[in-house]
Amino acid sequence: MRLMIMFDLPVETSEERKEYRKFRKNLINEGFIMIQYSVYVRVCVNKKSAEFTEKRIESFLPSKGVVQSLILTEKQYNDMHFLLGKKIKEVRNSAERSSSLLNYIIPGIRILK
């Protein structure tokens, strides 16, 4: 499973920029990686784990702006189409890494492609 966080935060004042930086840093500390500006994603073992992570994010939300979350299966995430630009071949964001991580956590699990 993947948990995707999308956000649009104001950055007009110094306080708003500080909240933006703090929110972004907290996402990275939670294991999220940036796939596009203001779009971060993280691998989760199952839906319950994704929902738990979502609750943790609620604990450090900024005071203004829009923050949305979306829980995706690996298949849904891998079916993402690139209409412009190229897919970044980053190991941390690959299906193979997800499979390896899940196999480490749950021995014997198979990820169907």
C-alpha atoms as a PDB file:
ATOM      1  CA  MET A   1       0.000   0.000   0.000  1.00  0.00           C
ATOM      2  CA  ARG A   2       1.012   3.582  -0.513  1.00  0.00           C
ATOM      3  CA  LEU A   3      -0.088   6.662   1.371  1.00  0.00           C
ATOM      4  CA  MET A   4       0.041   9.785  -0.767  1.00  0.00           C
ATOM      5  CA  ILE A   5      -0.068  13.240   0.815  1.00  0.00           C
ATOM      6  CA  MET A   6      -0.834  16.245  -1.380  1.00  0.00           C
ATOM      7  CA  PHE A   7      -0.771  19.752  -0.017  1.00  0.00           C
ATOM      8  CA  ASP A   8      -1.094  23.391  -0.941  1.00  0.00           C
ATOM      9  CA  LEU A   9       0.149  25.620   1.855  1.00  0.00           C
ATOM     10  CA  PRO A  10       0.428  29.406   1.944  1.00  0.00           C
ATOM     11  CA  VAL A  11       3.972  30.811   2.059  1.00  0.00           C
ATOM     12  CA  GLU A  12       3.370  34.564   2.042  1.00  0.00           C
ATOM     13  CA  THR A  13       4.523  35.400   5.579  1.00  0.00           C
ATOM     14  CA  SER A  14       7.587  34.210   7.445  1.00  0.00           C
ATOM     15  CA  GLU A  15       5.356  32.290   9.893  1.00  0.00           C
ATOM     16  CA  GLU A  16       3.613  30.480   7.009  1.00  0.00           C
ATOM     17  CA  ARG A  17       6.976  29.579   5.444  1.00  0.00           C
ATOM     18  CA  LYS A  18       8.134  28.248   8.815  1.00  0.00           C
ATOM     19  CA  GLU A  19       4.998  26.068   9.107  1.00  0.00           C
ATOM     20  CA  TYR A  20       5.538  24.819   5.536  1.00  0.00           C
ATOM     21  CA  ARG A  21       9.148  23.822   6.251  1.00  0.00           C
ATOM     22  CA  LYS A  22       8.171  22.133   9.522  1.00  0.00           C
ATOM     23  CA  PHE A  23       5.342  20.166   7.864  1.00  0.00           C
ATOM     24  CA  ARG A  24       7.584  19.059   4.988  1.00  0.00           C
ATOM     25  CA  LYS A  25      10.367  18.047   7.394  1.00  0.00           C
ATOM     26  CA  ASN A  26       7.906  16.019   9.490  1.00  0.00           C
ATOM     27  CA  LEU A  27       6.688  14.186   6.374  1.00  0.00           C
ATOM     28  CA  ILE A  28      10.265  13.286   5.465  1.00  0.00           C
ATOM     29  CA  ASN A  29      10.922  12.125   9.032  1.00  0.00           C
ATOM     30  CA  GLU A  30       7.836   9.874   8.737  1.00  0.00           C
ATOM     31  CA  GLY A  31       9.445   8.162   5.728  1.00  0.00           C
ATOM     32  CA  PHE A  32       7.758  10.041   2.886  1.00  0.00           C
ATOM     33  CA  ILE A  33       9.574  10.846  -0.343  1.00  0.00           C
ATOM     34  CA  MET A  34       8.720  13.628  -2.747  1.00  0.00           C
ATOM     35  CA  ILE A  35       7.381  12.448  -6.109  1.00  0.00           C
ATOM     36  CA  GLN A  36       6.405  15.944  -7.227  1.00  0.00           C
ATOM     37  CA  TYR A  37       6.338  19.358  -5.577  1.00  0.00           C
ATOM     38  CA  SER A  38       3.827  19.193  -2.724  1.00  0.00           C
ATOM     39  CA  VAL A  39       3.120  15.491  -3.390  1.00  0.00           C
ATOM     40  CA  TYR A  40       4.758  12.961  -1.076  1.00  0.00           C
ATOM     41  CA  VAL A  41       4.330   9.205  -0.868  1.00  0.00           C
ATOM     42  CA  ARG A  42       5.231   6.468   1.592  1.00  0.00           C
ATOM     43  CA  VAL A  43       5.086   2.672   1.510  1.00  0.00           C
ATOM     44  CA  CYS A  44       2.820   1.143   4.178  1.00  0.00           C
ATOM     45  CA  VAL A  45       2.476  -2.547   5.036  1.00  0.00           C
ATOM     46  CA  ASN A  46      -1.323  -2.561   4.934  1.00  0.00           C
ATOM     47  CA  LYS A  47      -4.374  -0.275   5.062  1.00  0.00           C
ATOM     48  CA  LYS A  48      -4.368  -0.178   8.854  1.00  0.00           C
ATOM     49  CA  SER A  49      -0.753   1.006   8.845  1.00  0.00           C
ATOM     50  CA  ALA A  50      -1.623   3.676   6.258  1.00  0.00           C
ATOM     51  CA  GLU A  51      -4.548   4.881   8.375  1.00  0.00           C
ATOM     52  CA  PHE A  52      -2.299   4.986  11.455  1.00  0.00           C
ATOM     53  CA  THR A  53       0.255   7.084   9.556  1.00  0.00           C
ATOM     54  CA  GLU A  54      -2.546   9.357   8.378  1.00  0.00           C
ATOM     55  CA  LYS A  55      -3.535   9.950  12.011  1.00  0.00           C
ATOM     56  CA  ARG A  56       0.090  10.779  12.883  1.00  0.00           C
ATOM     57  CA  ILE A  57       0.129  13.384  10.125  1.00  0.00           C
ATOM     58  CA  GLU A  58      -2.990  14.967  11.614  1.00  0.00           C
ATOM     59  CA  SER A  59      -0.925  15.653  14.742  1.00  0.00           C
ATOM     60  CA  PHE A  60       1.440  18.029  12.904  1.00  0.00           C
ATOM     61  CA  LEU A  61      -0.828  19.723  10.346  1.00  0.00           C
ATOM     62  CA  PRO A  62      -0.182  23.411   9.668  1.00  0.00           C
ATOM     63  CA  SER A  63      -2.825  25.938  10.699  1.00  0.00           C
ATOM     64  CA  LYS A  64      -3.718  27.045   7.128  1.00  0.00           C
ATOM     65  CA  GLY A  65      -3.851  25.551   3.656  1.00  0.00           C
ATOM     66  CA  VAL A  66      -5.106  22.296   2.165  1.00  0.00           C
ATOM     67  CA  VAL A  67      -3.688  18.840   2.939  1.00  0.00           C
ATOM     68  CA  GLN A  68      -5.193  15.750   1.312  1.00  0.00           C
ATOM     69  CA  SER A  69      -4.379  12.066   1.649  1.00  0.00           C
ATOM     70  CA  LEU A  70      -4.979   9.100  -0.623  1.00  0.00           C
ATOM     71  CA  ILE A  71      -4.394   5.422   0.146  1.00  0.00           C
ATOM     72  CA  LEU A  72      -3.386   3.385  -2.922  1.00  0.00           C
ATOM     73  CA  THR A  73      -2.577  -0.240  -3.543  1.00  0.00           C
ATOM     74  CA  GLU A  74       0.770  -1.051  -5.165  1.00  0.00           C
ATOM     75  CA  LYS A  75      -1.029  -1.903  -8.406  1.00  0.00           C
ATOM     76  CA  GLN A  76      -2.860   1.431  -8.455  1.00  0.00           C
ATOM     77  CA  TYR A  77       0.379   3.269  -7.731  1.00  0.00           C
ATOM     78  CA  ASN A  78       2.299   1.374 -10.425  1.00  0.00           C
ATOM     79  CA  ASP A  79      -0.479   2.054 -12.953  1.00  0.00           C
ATOM     80  CA  MET A  80       0.263   5.789 -12.711  1.00  0.00           C
ATOM     81  CA  HIS A  81       0.753   7.275 -16.184  1.00  0.00           C
ATOM     82  CA  PHE A  82       3.311   9.922 -17.018  1.00  0.00           C
ATOM     83  CA  LEU A  83       1.720  12.289 -19.509  1.00  0.00           C
ATOM     84  CA  LEU A  84       4.734  14.578 -19.572  1.00  0.00           C
ATOM     85  CA  GLY A  85       8.215  13.937 -18.248  1.00  0.00           C
ATOM     86  CA  LYS A  86       9.921  10.686 -17.373  1.00  0.00           C
ATOM     87  CA  LYS A  87       9.645   8.355 -14.444  1.00  0.00           C
ATOM     88  CA  ILE A  88      12.498   8.837 -11.986  1.00  0.00           C
ATOM     89  CA  LYS A  89      14.329   5.558 -11.499  1.00  0.00           C
ATOM     90  CA  GLU A  90      14.839   5.902  -7.770  1.00  0.00           C
ATOM     91  CA  VAL A  91      15.284   2.751  -5.719  1.00  0.00           C
ATOM     92  CA  ARG A  92      13.394   4.175  -2.749  1.00  0.00           C
ATOM     93  CA  ASN A  93      10.258   4.573  -4.886  1.00  0.00           C
ATOM     94  CA  SER A  94      10.337   1.312  -6.849  1.00  0.00           C
ATOM     95  CA  ALA A  95       7.943  -1.622  -6.630  1.00  0.00           C
ATOM     96  CA  GLU A  96      10.939  -3.925  -6.118  1.00  0.00           C
ATOM     97  CA  ARG A  97      11.862  -2.042  -2.945  1.00  0.00           C
ATOM     98  CA  SER A  98       8.273  -2.273  -1.721  1.00  0.00           C
ATOM     99  CA  SER A  99       8.324  -6.003  -2.338  1.00  0.00           C
ATOM    100  CA  SER A 100      11.651  -6.338  -0.496  1.00  0.00           C
ATOM    101  CA  LEU A 101      10.438  -4.258   2.451  1.00  0.00           C
ATOM    102  CA  LEU A 102       7.186  -6.177   2.760  1.00  0.00           C
ATOM    103  CA  ASN A 103       8.989  -9.511   2.441  1.00  0.00           C
ATOM    104  CA  TYR A 104      11.299  -8.438   5.254  1.00  0.00           C
ATOM    105  CA  ILE A 105       8.346  -7.445   7.452  1.00  0.00           C
ATOM    106  CA  ILE A 106       6.077 -10.350   6.410  1.00  0.00           C
ATOM    107  CA  PRO A 107       8.271 -13.285   5.278  1.00  0.00           C
ATOM    108  CA  GLY A 108       6.892 -15.199   2.312  1.00  0.00           C
ATOM    109  CA  ILE A 109       4.636 -12.404   1.009  1.00  0.00           C
ATOM    110  CA  ARG A 110       4.341 -12.107  -2.792  1.00  0.00           C
ATOM    111  CA  ILE A 111       3.574  -8.867  -4.596  1.00  0.00           C
ATOM    112  CA  LEU A 112       1.652  -9.490  -7.810  1.00  0.00           C
ATOM    113  CA  LYS A 113       2.595  -7.282 -10.767  1.00  0.00           C
END
